[in-house]
Each structure stands twice: as C-alpha cells, then as structure tokens.
C-alpha cells in the first residue's frame, strides 16, 4: 500500500521522484534547493523536477524551514 501523508503520496520506487527524494533523504531535513541541485546535476536528473519534488518531500514530512 502506498503511504500518504499531508495529502502527498510517497514516490514509487525507481521513478524520477523517488530518485529526487533519495537525494533529500541523504542531505537531511534542512535540505536546500542549492544543495539538492548540485547532486542532481551530478546524477543527471531534471532540475525542474528536483524543485517540484523538494516541495512535495517537505510537505510529506512536514518539514518547515
């Protein structure tokens, strides 16, 4: 069953969203877009997707910065 919190579903494994969330999980709860984009560029991920997914990741985990 797919986990859902705060109106956001956990990303399906092996998708672009899941790869983005893995970056945020590595960095931690105080992830900034700047930090995430550095890693995303190294991994050749879509930068616009990273921006969108960071907002969703924060909402899912109730992270407020």
PDB file of N, CA and C in Angstrom:
ATOM      1  N   UNK A   1       0.838  -1.183   0.000  1.00  0.00           N
ATOM      2  CA  UNK A   1       0.000   0.000   0.000  1.00  0.00           C
ATOM      3  C   UNK A   1       0.884   1.247   0.000  1.00  0.00           C
ATOM      4  N   UNK A   2       0.490   2.222  -0.772  1.00  0.00           N
ATOM      5  CA  UNK A   2       1.267   3.459  -0.883  1.00  0.00           C
ATOM      6  C   UNK A   2       0.979   4.346   0.319  1.00  0.00           C
ATOM      7  N   UNK A   3       2.062   4.802   0.943  1.00  0.00           N
ATOM      8  CA  UNK A   3       1.952   5.672   2.102  1.00  0.00           C
ATOM      9  C   UNK A   3       1.585   7.083   1.656  1.00  0.00           C
ATOM     10  N   UNK A   4       0.657   7.717   2.377  1.00  0.00           N
ATOM     11  CA  UNK A   4       0.262   9.086   2.070  1.00  0.00           C
ATOM     12  C   UNK A   4       0.213   9.883   3.360  1.00  0.00           C
ATOM     13  N   UNK A   5       0.840  11.048   3.332  1.00  0.00           N
ATOM     14  CA  UNK A   5       0.829  11.955   4.483  1.00  0.00           C
ATOM     15  C   UNK A   5       0.627  13.371   3.987  1.00  0.00           C
ATOM     16  N   UNK A   6      -0.143  14.120   4.715  1.00  0.00           N
ATOM     17  CA  UNK A   6      -0.362  15.534   4.408  1.00  0.00           C
ATOM     18  C   UNK A   6      -0.788  15.764   2.959  1.00  0.00           C
ATOM     19  N   UNK A   7      -1.509  14.808   2.395  1.00  0.00           N
ATOM     20  CA  UNK A   7      -2.015  14.945   1.042  1.00  0.00           C
ATOM     21  C   UNK A   7      -0.999  14.637  -0.046  1.00  0.00           C
ATOM     22  N   UNK A   8       0.167  14.100   0.323  1.00  0.00           N
ATOM     23  CA  UNK A   8       1.214  13.772  -0.644  1.00  0.00           C
ATOM     24  C   UNK A   8       1.525  12.286  -0.533  1.00  0.00           C
ATOM     25  N   UNK A   9       1.589  11.616  -1.684  1.00  0.00           N
ATOM     26  CA  UNK A   9       1.916  10.192  -1.702  1.00  0.00           C
ATOM     27  C   UNK A   9       3.426   9.989  -1.770  1.00  0.00           C
ATOM     28  N   UNK A  10       3.877   8.952  -1.096  1.00  0.00           N
ATOM     29  CA  UNK A  10       5.271   8.540  -1.174  1.00  0.00           C
ATOM     30  C   UNK A  10       5.556   8.142  -2.617  1.00  0.00           C
ATOM     31  N   UNK A  11       6.688   8.531  -3.132  1.00  0.00           N
ATOM     32  CA  UNK A  11       7.025   8.266  -4.524  1.00  0.00           C
ATOM     33  C   UNK A  11       7.275   6.787  -4.775  1.00  0.00           C
ATOM     34  N   UNK A  12       6.835   6.329  -5.953  1.00  0.00           N
ATOM     35  CA  UNK A  12       7.019   4.947  -6.374  1.00  0.00           C
ATOM     36  C   UNK A  12       8.506   4.686  -6.614  1.00  0.00           C
ATOM     37  N   UNK A  13       9.024   3.550  -6.151  1.00  0.00           N
ATOM     38  CA  UNK A  13      10.448   3.243  -6.344  1.00  0.00           C
ATOM     39  C   UNK A  13      10.868   3.289  -7.817  1.00  0.00           C
ATOM     40  N   UNK A  14      12.120   3.671  -8.045  1.00  0.00           N
ATOM     41  CA  UNK A  14      12.759   3.713  -9.364  1.00  0.00           C
ATOM     42  C   UNK A  14      12.142   4.728 -10.316  1.00  0.00           C
ATOM     43  N   UNK A  15      11.500   5.762  -9.781  1.00  0.00           N
ATOM     44  CA  UNK A  15      10.988   6.841 -10.615  1.00  0.00           C
ATOM     45  C   UNK A  15      11.856   8.072 -10.394  1.00  0.00           C
ATOM     46  N   UNK A  16      11.680   9.078 -11.239  1.00  0.00           N
ATOM     47  CA  UNK A  16      12.438  10.318 -11.082  1.00  0.00           C
ATOM     48  C   UNK A  16      12.140  10.961  -9.723  1.00  0.00           C
ATOM     49  N   UNK A  17      10.892  10.885  -9.301  1.00  0.00           N
ATOM     50  CA  UNK A  17      10.527  11.437  -7.997  1.00  0.00           C
ATOM     51  C   UNK A  17      11.228  10.718  -6.862  1.00  0.00           C
ATOM     52  N   UNK A  18      11.295   9.401  -6.949  1.00  0.00           N
ATOM     53  CA  UNK A  18      11.964   8.613  -5.908  1.00  0.00           C
ATOM     54  C   UNK A  18      13.465   8.911  -5.875  1.00  0.00           C
ATOM     55  N   UNK A  19      14.072   9.114  -7.047  1.00  0.00           N
ATOM     56  CA  UNK A  19      15.492   9.462  -7.094  1.00  0.00           C
ATOM     57  C   UNK A  19      15.736  10.829  -6.448  1.00  0.00           C
ATOM     58  N   UNK A  20      14.826  11.754  -6.695  1.00  0.00           N
ATOM     59  CA  UNK A  20      14.930  13.079  -6.082  1.00  0.00           C
ATOM     60  C   UNK A  20      14.782  12.967  -4.563  1.00  0.00           C
ATOM     61  N   UNK A  21      13.792  12.214  -4.099  1.00  0.00           N
ATOM     62  CA  UNK A  21      13.569  12.063  -2.662  1.00  0.00           C
ATOM     63  C   UNK A  21      14.765  11.405  -1.993  1.00  0.00           C
ATOM     64  N   UNK A  22      15.446  10.513  -2.706  1.00  0.00           N
ATOM     65  CA  UNK A  22      16.642   9.864  -2.148  1.00  0.00           C
ATOM     66  C   UNK A  22      17.727  10.903  -1.875  1.00  0.00           C
ATOM     67  N   UNK A  23      17.842  11.882  -2.764  1.00  0.00           N
ATOM     68  CA  UNK A  23      18.807  12.966  -2.554  1.00  0.00           C
ATOM     69  C   UNK A  23      18.456  13.734  -1.288  1.00  0.00           C
ATOM     70  N   UNK A  24      17.195  14.082  -1.139  1.00  0.00           N
ATOM     71  CA  UNK A  24      16.768  14.861   0.028  1.00  0.00           C
ATOM     72  C   UNK A  24      16.970  14.067   1.317  1.00  0.00           C
ATOM     73  N   UNK A  25      16.716  12.770   1.259  1.00  0.00           N
ATOM     74  CA  UNK A  25      16.925  11.915   2.427  1.00  0.00           C
ATOM     75  C   UNK A  25      18.403  11.862   2.810  1.00  0.00           C
ATOM     76  N   UNK A  26      19.281  11.858   1.815  1.00  0.00           N
ATOM     77  CA  UNK A  26      20.731  11.857   2.080  1.00  0.00           C
ATOM     78  C   UNK A  26      21.163  13.136   2.777  1.00  0.00           C
ATOM     79  N   UNK A  27      20.669  14.259   2.290  1.00  0.00           N
ATOM     80  CA  UNK A  27      21.083  15.555   2.838  1.00  0.00           C
ATOM     81  C   UNK A  27      20.460  15.787   4.216  1.00  0.00           C
ATOM     82  N   UNK A  28      19.199  15.446   4.369  1.00  0.00           N
ATOM     83  CA  UNK A  28      18.538  15.591   5.661  1.00  0.00           C
ATOM     84  C   UNK A  28      17.428  16.620   5.656  1.00  0.00           C
ATOM     85  N   UNK A  29      16.837  16.864   6.818  1.00  0.00           N
ATOM     86  CA  UNK A  29      15.647  17.703   6.898  1.00  0.00           C
ATOM     87  C   UNK A  29      15.866  19.173   6.531  1.00  0.00           C
ATOM     88  N   UNK A  30      17.092  19.635   6.566  1.00  0.00           N
ATOM     89  CA  UNK A  30      17.346  21.038   6.228  1.00  0.00           C
ATOM     90  C   UNK A  30      17.915  21.175   4.825  1.00  0.00           C
ATOM     91  N   UNK A  31      17.480  20.292   3.937  1.00  0.00           N
ATOM     92  CA  UNK A  31      17.892  20.306   2.542  1.00  0.00           C
ATOM     93  C   UNK A  31      17.529  21.636   1.899  1.00  0.00           C
ATOM     94  N   UNK A  32      18.477  22.208   1.184  1.00  0.00           N
ATOM     95  CA  UNK A  32      18.184  23.413   0.404  1.00  0.00           C
ATOM     96  C   UNK A  32      18.173  23.034  -1.068  1.00  0.00           C
ATOM     97  N   UNK A  33      17.510  23.846  -1.871  1.00  0.00           N
ATOM     98  CA  UNK A  33      17.445  23.566  -3.298  1.00  0.00           C
ATOM     99  C   UNK A  33      18.843  23.610  -3.896  1.00  0.00           C
ATOM    100  N   UNK A  34      19.682  24.502  -3.402  1.00  0.00           N
ATOM    101  CA  UNK A  34      21.041  24.633  -3.916  1.00  0.00           C
ATOM    102  C   UNK A  34      21.834  23.341  -3.705  1.00  0.00           C
ATOM    103  N   UNK A  35      21.742  22.773  -2.510  1.00  0.00           N
ATOM    104  CA  UNK A  35      22.440  21.513  -2.216  1.00  0.00           C
ATOM    105  C   UNK A  35      21.906  20.381  -3.097  1.00  0.00           C
ATOM    106  N   UNK A  36      20.601  20.320  -3.214  1.00  0.00           N
ATOM    107  CA  UNK A  36      19.979  19.243  -3.981  1.00  0.00           C
ATOM    108  C   UNK A  36      20.329  19.339  -5.463  1.00  0.00           C
ATOM    109  N   UNK A  37      20.387  20.545  -5.992  1.00  0.00           N
ATOM    110  CA  UNK A  37      20.683  20.709  -7.412  1.00  0.00           C
ATOM    111  C   UNK A  37      22.112  20.304  -7.751  1.00  0.00           C
ATOM    112  N   UNK A  38      23.051  20.522  -6.837  1.00  0.00           N
ATOM    113  CA  UNK A  38      24.430  20.100  -7.075  1.00  0.00           C
ATOM    114  C   UNK A  38      24.479  18.581  -7.288  1.00  0.00           C
ATOM    115  N   UNK A  39      23.821  17.842  -6.407  1.00  0.00           N
ATOM    116  CA  UNK A  39      23.801  16.378  -6.514  1.00  0.00           C
ATOM    117  C   UNK A  39      22.993  15.945  -7.741  1.00  0.00           C
ATOM    118  N   UNK A  40      21.884  16.615  -8.003  1.00  0.00           N
ATOM    119  CA  UNK A  40      21.041  16.262  -9.146  1.00  0.00           C
ATOM    120  C   UNK A  40      21.795  16.427 -10.463  1.00  0.00           C
ATOM    121  N   UNK A  41      22.590  17.473 -10.570  1.00  0.00           N
ATOM    122  CA  UNK A  41      23.376  17.673 -11.795  1.00  0.00           C
ATOM    123  C   UNK A  41      24.388  16.551 -11.971  1.00  0.00           C
ATOM    124  N   UNK A  42      25.013  16.127 -10.880  1.00  0.00           N
ATOM    125  CA  UNK A  42      25.968  15.020 -10.948  1.00  0.00           C
ATOM    126  C   UNK A  42      25.288  13.742 -11.420  1.00  0.00           C
ATOM    127  N   UNK A  43      24.046  13.558 -11.010  1.00  0.00           N
ATOM    128  CA  UNK A  43      23.296  12.337 -11.356  1.00  0.00           C
ATOM    129  C   UNK A  43      22.455  12.503 -12.622  1.00  0.00           C
ATOM    130  N   UNK A  44      22.585  13.686 -13.241  1.00  0.00           N
ATOM    131  CA  UNK A  44      21.891  13.999 -14.499  1.00  0.00           C
ATOM    132  C   UNK A  44      20.372  13.883 -14.374  1.00  0.00           C
ATOM    133  N   UNK A  45      19.838  14.429 -13.294  1.00  0.00           N
ATOM    134  CA  UNK A  45      18.392  14.450 -13.084  1.00  0.00           C
ATOM    135  C   UNK A  45      17.833  15.793 -13.522  1.00  0.00           C
ATOM    136  N   UNK A  46      16.556  15.824 -13.844  1.00  0.00           N
ATOM    137  CA  UNK A  46      15.880  17.031 -14.287  1.00  0.00           C
ATOM    138  C   UNK A  46      15.796  18.042 -13.141  1.00  0.00           C
ATOM    139  N   UNK A  47      16.344  19.233 -13.363  1.00  0.00           N
ATOM    140  CA  UNK A  47      16.399  20.246 -12.300  1.00  0.00           C
ATOM    141  C   UNK A  47      15.018  20.761 -11.908  1.00  0.00           C
ATOM    142  N   UNK A  48      14.125  20.916 -12.881  1.00  0.00           N
ATOM    143  CA  UNK A  48      12.776  21.375 -12.555  1.00  0.00           C
ATOM    144  C   UNK A  48      12.039  20.344 -11.705  1.00  0.00           C
ATOM    145  N   UNK A  49      12.266  19.082 -11.986  1.00  0.00           N
ATOM    146  CA  UNK A  49      11.658  18.011 -11.193  1.00  0.00           C
ATOM    147  C   UNK A  49      12.178  18.067  -9.752  1.00  0.00           C
ATOM    148  N   UNK A  50      13.456  18.340  -9.580  1.00  0.00           N
ATOM    149  CA  UNK A  50      14.042  18.432  -8.241  1.00  0.00           C
ATOM    150  C   UNK A  50      13.352  19.532  -7.444  1.00  0.00           C
ATOM    151  N   UNK A  51      13.135  20.667  -8.074  1.00  0.00           N
ATOM    152  CA  UNK A  51      12.464  21.789  -7.389  1.00  0.00           C
ATOM    153  C   UNK A  51      11.053  21.405  -6.935  1.00  0.00           C
ATOM    154  N   UNK A  52      10.313  20.782  -7.836  1.00  0.00           N
ATOM    155  CA  UNK A  52       8.937  20.369  -7.523  1.00  0.00           C
ATOM    156  C   UNK A  52       8.915  19.314  -6.428  1.00  0.00           C
ATOM    157  N   UNK A  53       9.779  18.321  -6.568  1.00  0.00           N
ATOM    158  CA  UNK A  53       9.788  17.222  -5.604  1.00  0.00           C
ATOM    159  C   UNK A  53      10.252  17.670  -4.225  1.00  0.00           C
ATOM    160  N   UNK A  54      11.117  18.667  -4.146  1.00  0.00           N
ATOM    161  CA  UNK A  54      11.547  19.156  -2.834  1.00  0.00           C
ATOM    162  C   UNK A  54      10.356  19.717  -2.066  1.00  0.00           C
ATOM    163  N   UNK A  55       9.508  20.442  -2.756  1.00  0.00           N
ATOM    164  CA  UNK A  55       8.300  20.975  -2.105  1.00  0.00           C
ATOM    165  C   UNK A  55       7.392  19.849  -1.620  1.00  0.00           C
ATOM    166  N   UNK A  56       7.235  18.844  -2.444  1.00  0.00           N
ATOM    167  CA  UNK A  56       6.394  17.701  -2.061  1.00  0.00           C
ATOM    168  C   UNK A  56       7.016  16.918  -0.914  1.00  0.00           C
ATOM    169  N   UNK A  57       8.329  16.723  -0.955  1.00  0.00           N
ATOM    170  CA  UNK A  57       9.046  15.996   0.099  1.00  0.00           C
ATOM    171  C   UNK A  57       8.888  16.719   1.435  1.00  0.00           C
ATOM    172  N   UNK A  58       9.058  18.044   1.405  1.00  0.00           N
ATOM    173  CA  UNK A  58       8.901  18.835   2.638  1.00  0.00           C
ATOM    174  C   UNK A  58       7.484  18.715   3.189  1.00  0.00           C
ATOM    175  N   UNK A  59       6.486  18.772   2.298  1.00  0.00           N
ATOM    176  CA  UNK A  59       5.108  18.666   2.748  1.00  0.00           C
ATOM    177  C   UNK A  59       4.828  17.279   3.316  1.00  0.00           C
ATOM    178  N   UNK A  60       5.320  16.233   2.658  1.00  0.00           N
ATOM    179  CA  UNK A  60       5.115  14.859   3.106  1.00  0.00           C
ATOM    180  C   UNK A  60       5.653  14.670   4.531  1.00  0.00           C
ATOM    181  N   UNK A  61       6.862  15.181   4.785  1.00  0.00           N
ATOM    182  CA  UNK A  61       7.499  15.018   6.088  1.00  0.00           C
ATOM    183  C   UNK A  61       7.232  16.185   7.044  1.00  0.00           C
ATOM    184  N   UNK A  62       6.392  17.118   6.666  1.00  0.00           N
ATOM    185  CA  UNK A  62       6.059  18.282   7.488  1.00  0.00           C
ATOM    186  C   UNK A  62       7.312  19.063   7.895  1.00  0.00           C
ATOM    187  N   UNK A  63       8.218  19.231   6.936  1.00  0.00           N
ATOM    188  CA  UNK A  63       9.451  19.980   7.194  1.00  0.00           C
ATOM    189  C   UNK A  63       9.188  21.448   6.922  1.00  0.00           C
ATOM    190  N   UNK A  64       9.472  22.273   7.892  1.00  0.00           N
ATOM    191  CA  UNK A  64       9.304  23.723   7.741  1.00  0.00           C
ATOM    192  C   UNK A  64      10.658  24.392   7.925  1.00  0.00           C
ATOM    193  N   UNK A  65      10.996  25.207   6.945  1.00  0.00           N
ATOM    194  CA  UNK A  65      12.280  25.912   7.030  1.00  0.00           C
ATOM    195  C   UNK A  65      12.030  27.394   7.111  1.00  0.00           C
TER     196      UNK A  65
END
